[in-house]
C-alpha atoms as a PDB file:
ATOM      1  CA  UNK A   1       2.616  12.012 -24.192  1.00  0.00           C
ATOM      2  CA  UNK A   2      -1.037  10.993 -24.126  1.00  0.00           C
ATOM      3  CA  UNK A   3      -3.008  12.752 -21.393  1.00  0.00           C
ATOM      4  CA  UNK A   4      -5.666  10.055 -21.625  1.00  0.00           C
ATOM      5  CA  UNK A   5      -3.055   7.339 -21.032  1.00  0.00           C
ATOM      6  CA  UNK A   6      -1.502   9.383 -18.197  1.00  0.00           C
ATOM      7  CA  UNK A   7      -4.893   9.676 -16.504  1.00  0.00           C
ATOM      8  CA  UNK A   8      -5.427   5.916 -16.889  1.00  0.00           C
ATOM      9  CA  UNK A   9      -2.037   5.197 -15.265  1.00  0.00           C
ATOM     10  CA  UNK A  10      -2.840   7.531 -12.368  1.00  0.00           C
ATOM     11  CA  UNK A  11      -6.273   5.945 -11.964  1.00  0.00           C
ATOM     12  CA  UNK A  12      -4.684   2.504 -11.725  1.00  0.00           C
ATOM     13  CA  UNK A  13      -2.430   3.793  -8.927  1.00  0.00           C
ATOM     14  CA  UNK A  14      -5.400   5.501  -7.294  1.00  0.00           C
ATOM     15  CA  UNK A  15      -7.070   2.088  -7.219  1.00  0.00           C
ATOM     16  CA  UNK A  16      -3.955   0.493  -5.657  1.00  0.00           C
ATOM     17  CA  UNK A  17      -3.894   3.177  -2.965  1.00  0.00           C
ATOM     18  CA  UNK A  18      -7.631   2.851  -2.363  1.00  0.00           C
ATOM     19  CA  UNK A  19      -7.223  -0.878  -1.777  1.00  0.00           C
ATOM     20  CA  UNK A  20      -4.274  -0.226   0.543  1.00  0.00           C
ATOM     21  CA  UNK A  21      -6.308   2.306   2.540  1.00  0.00           C
ATOM     22  CA  UNK A  22      -9.114  -0.210   3.031  1.00  0.00           C
ATOM     23  CA  UNK A  23      -6.634  -2.909   4.014  1.00  0.00           C
ATOM     24  CA  UNK A  24      -5.020  -0.704   6.667  1.00  0.00           C
ATOM     25  CA  UNK A  25      -8.456   0.353   7.949  1.00  0.00           C
ATOM     26  CA  UNK A  26      -9.386  -3.327   8.276  1.00  0.00           C
ATOM     27  CA  UNK A  27      -6.100  -4.162  10.004  1.00  0.00           C
ATOM     28  CA  UNK A  28      -6.540  -1.209  12.369  1.00  0.00           C
ATOM     29  CA  UNK A  29     -10.012  -2.417  13.376  1.00  0.00           C
ATOM     30  CA  UNK A  30      -8.774  -5.978  13.775  1.00  0.00           C
ATOM     31  CA  UNK A  31      -5.845  -5.305  16.099  1.00  0.00           C
ATOM     32  CA  UNK A  32      -5.992  -4.423  19.766  1.00  0.00           C
ATOM     33  CA  UNK A  33      -2.358  -3.280  19.852  1.00  0.00           C
ATOM     34  CA  UNK A  34      -2.070   0.501  20.150  1.00  0.00           C
ATOM     35  CA  UNK A  35       1.320   0.780  18.437  1.00  0.00           C
ATOM     36  CA  UNK A  36      -0.097  -0.936  15.353  1.00  0.00           C
ATOM     37  CA  UNK A  37      -3.281   1.167  15.431  1.00  0.00           C
ATOM     38  CA  UNK A  38      -1.153   4.337  15.453  1.00  0.00           C
ATOM     39  CA  UNK A  39       1.069   3.045  12.657  1.00  0.00           C
ATOM     40  CA  UNK A  40      -1.909   2.039  10.517  1.00  0.00           C
ATOM     41  CA  UNK A  41      -3.535   5.452  11.105  1.00  0.00           C
ATOM     42  CA  UNK A  42      -0.345   7.136   9.920  1.00  0.00           C
ATOM     43  CA  UNK A  43      -0.294   4.959   6.793  1.00  0.00           C
ATOM     44  CA  UNK A  44      -3.987   5.662   6.110  1.00  0.00           C
ATOM     45  CA  UNK A  45      -3.357   9.419   6.294  1.00  0.00           C
ATOM     46  CA  UNK A  46      -0.392   9.121   3.945  1.00  0.00           C
ATOM     47  CA  UNK A  47      -2.450   7.125   1.441  1.00  0.00           C
ATOM     48  CA  UNK A  48      -5.318   9.621   1.618  1.00  0.00           C
ATOM     49  CA  UNK A  49      -2.838  12.397   0.803  1.00  0.00           C
ATOM     50  CA  UNK A  50      -1.486  10.332  -2.114  1.00  0.00           C
ATOM     51  CA  UNK A  51      -5.029   9.798  -3.371  1.00  0.00           C
ATOM     52  CA  UNK A  52      -5.951  13.483  -3.110  1.00  0.00           C
ATOM     53  CA  UNK A  53      -2.866  14.398  -5.121  1.00  0.00           C
ATOM     54  CA  UNK A  54      -3.531  11.686  -7.701  1.00  0.00           C
ATOM     55  CA  UNK A  55      -7.152  12.838  -8.082  1.00  0.00           C
ATOM     56  CA  UNK A  56      -6.014  16.451  -8.637  1.00  0.00           C
ATOM     57  CA  UNK A  57      -3.504  15.284 -11.244  1.00  0.00           C
ATOM     58  CA  UNK A  58      -6.153  13.205 -13.024  1.00  0.00           C
ATOM     59  CA  UNK A  59      -8.518  16.182 -13.121  1.00  0.00           C
ATOM     60  CA  UNK A  60      -5.694  18.406 -14.483  1.00  0.00           C
ATOM     61  CA  UNK A  61      -5.375  15.891 -17.314  1.00  0.00           C
ATOM     62  CA  UNK A  62      -9.142  16.218 -17.964  1.00  0.00           C
ATOM     63  CA  UNK A  63      -9.659  12.693 -16.664  1.00  0.00           C
ATOM     64  CA  UNK A  64     -12.224  11.366 -14.215  1.00  0.00           C
ATOM     65  CA  UNK A  65     -10.870   9.899 -10.954  1.00  0.00           C
ATOM     66  CA  UNK A  66     -12.078   6.427 -10.014  1.00  0.00           C
ATOM     67  CA  UNK A  67     -14.718   6.000  -7.351  1.00  0.00           C
ATOM     68  CA  UNK A  68     -12.869   4.264  -4.513  1.00  0.00           C
ATOM     69  CA  UNK A  69     -15.974   3.354  -2.534  1.00  0.00           C
ATOM     70  CA  UNK A  70     -16.738   0.149  -4.417  1.00  0.00           C
ATOM     71  CA  UNK A  71     -16.104  -3.234  -2.806  1.00  0.00           C
ATOM     72  CA  UNK A  72     -13.581  -5.518  -4.379  1.00  0.00           C
ATOM     73  CA  UNK A  73     -12.045  -8.962  -4.082  1.00  0.00           C
ATOM     74  CA  UNK A  74      -8.715  -7.682  -2.729  1.00  0.00           C
ATOM     75  CA  UNK A  75     -10.413  -6.286   0.354  1.00  0.00           C
ATOM     76  CA  UNK A  76     -12.420  -9.473   0.863  1.00  0.00           C
ATOM     77  CA  UNK A  77      -9.270 -11.601   0.541  1.00  0.00           C
ATOM     78  CA  UNK A  78      -7.385  -9.433   2.991  1.00  0.00           C
ATOM     79  CA  UNK A  79     -10.291  -9.350   5.453  1.00  0.00           C
ATOM     80  CA  UNK A  80     -10.506 -13.146   5.356  1.00  0.00           C
ATOM     81  CA  UNK A  81      -6.766 -13.395   6.015  1.00  0.00           C
ATOM     82  CA  UNK A  82      -6.928 -10.869   8.860  1.00  0.00           C
ATOM     83  CA  UNK A  83      -9.913 -12.618  10.393  1.00  0.00           C
ATOM     84  CA  UNK A  84      -8.189 -15.995  10.376  1.00  0.00           C
ATOM     85  CA  UNK A  85      -4.962 -14.419  11.632  1.00  0.00           C
ATOM     86  CA  UNK A  86      -6.664 -12.821  14.591  1.00  0.00           C
ATOM     87  CA  UNK A  87      -8.540 -15.976  15.395  1.00  0.00           C
ATOM     88  CA  UNK A  88      -5.032 -17.298  16.076  1.00  0.00           C
ATOM     89  CA  UNK A  89      -3.990 -13.919  17.570  1.00  0.00           C
ATOM     90  CA  UNK A  90      -0.716 -13.539  15.677  1.00  0.00           C
ATOM     91  CA  UNK A  91       0.864 -10.107  15.385  1.00  0.00           C
ATOM     92  CA  UNK A  92       3.635 -11.669  13.338  1.00  0.00           C
ATOM     93  CA  UNK A  93       1.218 -13.068  10.739  1.00  0.00           C
ATOM     94  CA  UNK A  94      -0.516  -9.697  10.380  1.00  0.00           C
ATOM     95  CA  UNK A  95       2.798  -7.905   9.892  1.00  0.00           C
ATOM     96  CA  UNK A  96       3.901 -10.522   7.348  1.00  0.00           C
ATOM     97  CA  UNK A  97       0.675 -10.089   5.347  1.00  0.00           C
ATOM     98  CA  UNK A  98       1.009  -6.313   5.381  1.00  0.00           C
ATOM     99  CA  UNK A  99       4.691  -6.445   4.453  1.00  0.00           C
ATOM    100  CA  UNK A 100       3.850  -8.618   1.449  1.00  0.00           C
ATOM    101  CA  UNK A 101       0.981  -6.342   0.407  1.00  0.00           C
ATOM    102  CA  UNK A 102       3.267  -3.296   0.612  1.00  0.00           C
ATOM    103  CA  UNK A 103       5.807  -5.116  -1.552  1.00  0.00           C
ATOM    104  CA  UNK A 104       3.080  -5.820  -4.133  1.00  0.00           C
ATOM    105  CA  UNK A 105       1.949  -2.169  -4.092  1.00  0.00           C
ATOM    106  CA  UNK A 106       5.532  -0.974  -4.589  1.00  0.00           C
ATOM    107  CA  UNK A 107       5.948  -3.297  -7.554  1.00  0.00           C
ATOM    108  CA  UNK A 108       2.698  -2.056  -9.113  1.00  0.00           C
ATOM    109  CA  UNK A 109       4.010   1.503  -8.890  1.00  0.00           C
ATOM    110  CA  UNK A 110       7.373   0.506 -10.365  1.00  0.00           C
ATOM    111  CA  UNK A 111       5.713  -1.455 -13.162  1.00  0.00           C
ATOM    112  CA  UNK A 112       3.386   1.452 -13.961  1.00  0.00           C
ATOM    113  CA  UNK A 113       6.363   3.776 -14.214  1.00  0.00           C
ATOM    114  CA  UNK A 114       8.462   1.479 -16.376  1.00  0.00           C
ATOM    115  CA  UNK A 115       5.560   0.542 -18.671  1.00  0.00           C
ATOM    116  CA  UNK A 116       4.458   4.147 -19.187  1.00  0.00           C
ATOM    117  CA  UNK A 117       7.622   6.248 -19.354  1.00  0.00           C
ATOM    118  CA  UNK A 118       6.460   7.944 -22.552  1.00  0.00           C
ATOM    119  CA  UNK A 119       2.998   8.696 -21.185  1.00  0.00           C
ATOM    120  CA  UNK A 120       4.052  10.515 -18.015  1.00  0.00           C
ATOM    121  CA  UNK A 121       5.619  13.953 -17.992  1.00  0.00           C
ATOM    122  CA  UNK A 122       8.655  14.701 -15.844  1.00  0.00           C
ATOM    123  CA  UNK A 123       6.578  16.154 -13.000  1.00  0.00           C
ATOM    124  CA  UNK A 124       4.314  13.087 -12.749  1.00  0.00           C
ATOM    125  CA  UNK A 125       7.262  10.733 -13.101  1.00  0.00           C
ATOM    126  CA  UNK A 126       9.115  12.486 -10.259  1.00  0.00           C
ATOM    127  CA  UNK A 127       6.031  12.577  -8.102  1.00  0.00           C
ATOM    128  CA  UNK A 128       5.397   8.855  -8.545  1.00  0.00           C
ATOM    129  CA  UNK A 129       9.032   8.099  -7.730  1.00  0.00           C
ATOM    130  CA  UNK A 130       8.439   9.978  -4.465  1.00  0.00           C
ATOM    131  CA  UNK A 131       5.440   7.725  -3.827  1.00  0.00           C
ATOM    132  CA  UNK A 132       7.625   4.670  -4.409  1.00  0.00           C
ATOM    133  CA  UNK A 133      10.181   5.947  -1.907  1.00  0.00           C
ATOM    134  CA  UNK A 134       7.458   6.450   0.681  1.00  0.00           C
ATOM    135  CA  UNK A 135       6.056   2.991  -0.034  1.00  0.00           C
ATOM    136  CA  UNK A 136       9.537   1.562   0.468  1.00  0.00           C
ATOM    137  CA  UNK A 137       9.819   3.353   3.817  1.00  0.00           C
ATOM    138  CA  UNK A 138       6.445   1.991   4.885  1.00  0.00           C
ATOM    139  CA  UNK A 139       7.373  -1.518   3.782  1.00  0.00           C
ATOM    140  CA  UNK A 140      10.643  -1.269   5.699  1.00  0.00           C
ATOM    141  CA  UNK A 141       8.894  -0.092   8.875  1.00  0.00           C
ATOM    142  CA  UNK A 142       6.518  -3.050   8.774  1.00  0.00           C
ATOM    143  CA  UNK A 143       9.412  -5.415   8.042  1.00  0.00           C
ATOM    144  CA  UNK A 144      11.399  -3.948  10.940  1.00  0.00           C
ATOM    145  CA  UNK A 145       8.522  -4.621  13.346  1.00  0.00           C
ATOM    146  CA  UNK A 146       8.395  -8.220  12.151  1.00  0.00           C
ATOM    147  CA  UNK A 147      12.166  -8.564  12.428  1.00  0.00           C
ATOM    148  CA  UNK A 148      12.052  -7.223  15.983  1.00  0.00           C
ATOM    149  CA  UNK A 149       9.665 -10.033  16.835  1.00  0.00           C
ATOM    150  CA  UNK A 150      12.106 -12.587  15.408  1.00  0.00           C
ATOM    151  CA  UNK A 151      14.965 -11.065  17.390  1.00  0.00           C
ATOM    152  CA  UNK A 152      12.970 -11.085  20.603  1.00  0.00           C
ATOM    153  CA  UNK A 153      12.191 -14.790  20.098  1.00  0.00           C
ATOM    154  CA  UNK A 154      15.856 -15.583  19.375  1.00  0.00           C
ATOM    155  CA  UNK A 155      15.093 -17.495  16.193  1.00  0.00           C
ATOM    156  CA  UNK A 156      18.082 -19.009  14.402  1.00  0.00           C
ATOM    157  CA  UNK A 157      18.464 -16.591  11.466  1.00  0.00           C
ATOM    158  CA  UNK A 158      21.035 -18.820   9.784  1.00  0.00           C
ATOM    159  CA  UNK A 159      18.346 -21.391   9.019  1.00  0.00           C
ATOM    160  CA  UNK A 160      17.131 -21.143   5.428  1.00  0.00           C
ATOM    161  CA  UNK A 161      14.711 -23.104   3.320  1.00  0.00           C
END
């Protein structure tokens, strides 16, 4: 196991979580709906806890945690999408964007685990699997909110593309 490689893997996940935090902060500012604001706040707190734990693990490996305060294209892309969504005032579109972004984050975690099995000790591997489970729960909560909207509109669910 390479501690340098382990720290690099954790830093890549720290970056993913940092982007997710900024995205939820942007979504929270953009919405006027209190239930979504509360949900996004909960997700932000969870991500901050993930990041604190990842930073501690990186330092234990004698690595240097990434600075998450830099601007990036992911945040700009998401902000542009949120802005256009709220110009059309669509809760459903916002939830769909966030559901997709959570799916992408989950896959990045899974890919990091599968690509780096030999570079992560059992403790880190288990901890990251816990993160994936929590990401899945978050994804499912967002999806459930979107599905509730479909149910309330009585869309024909048998229709497929």
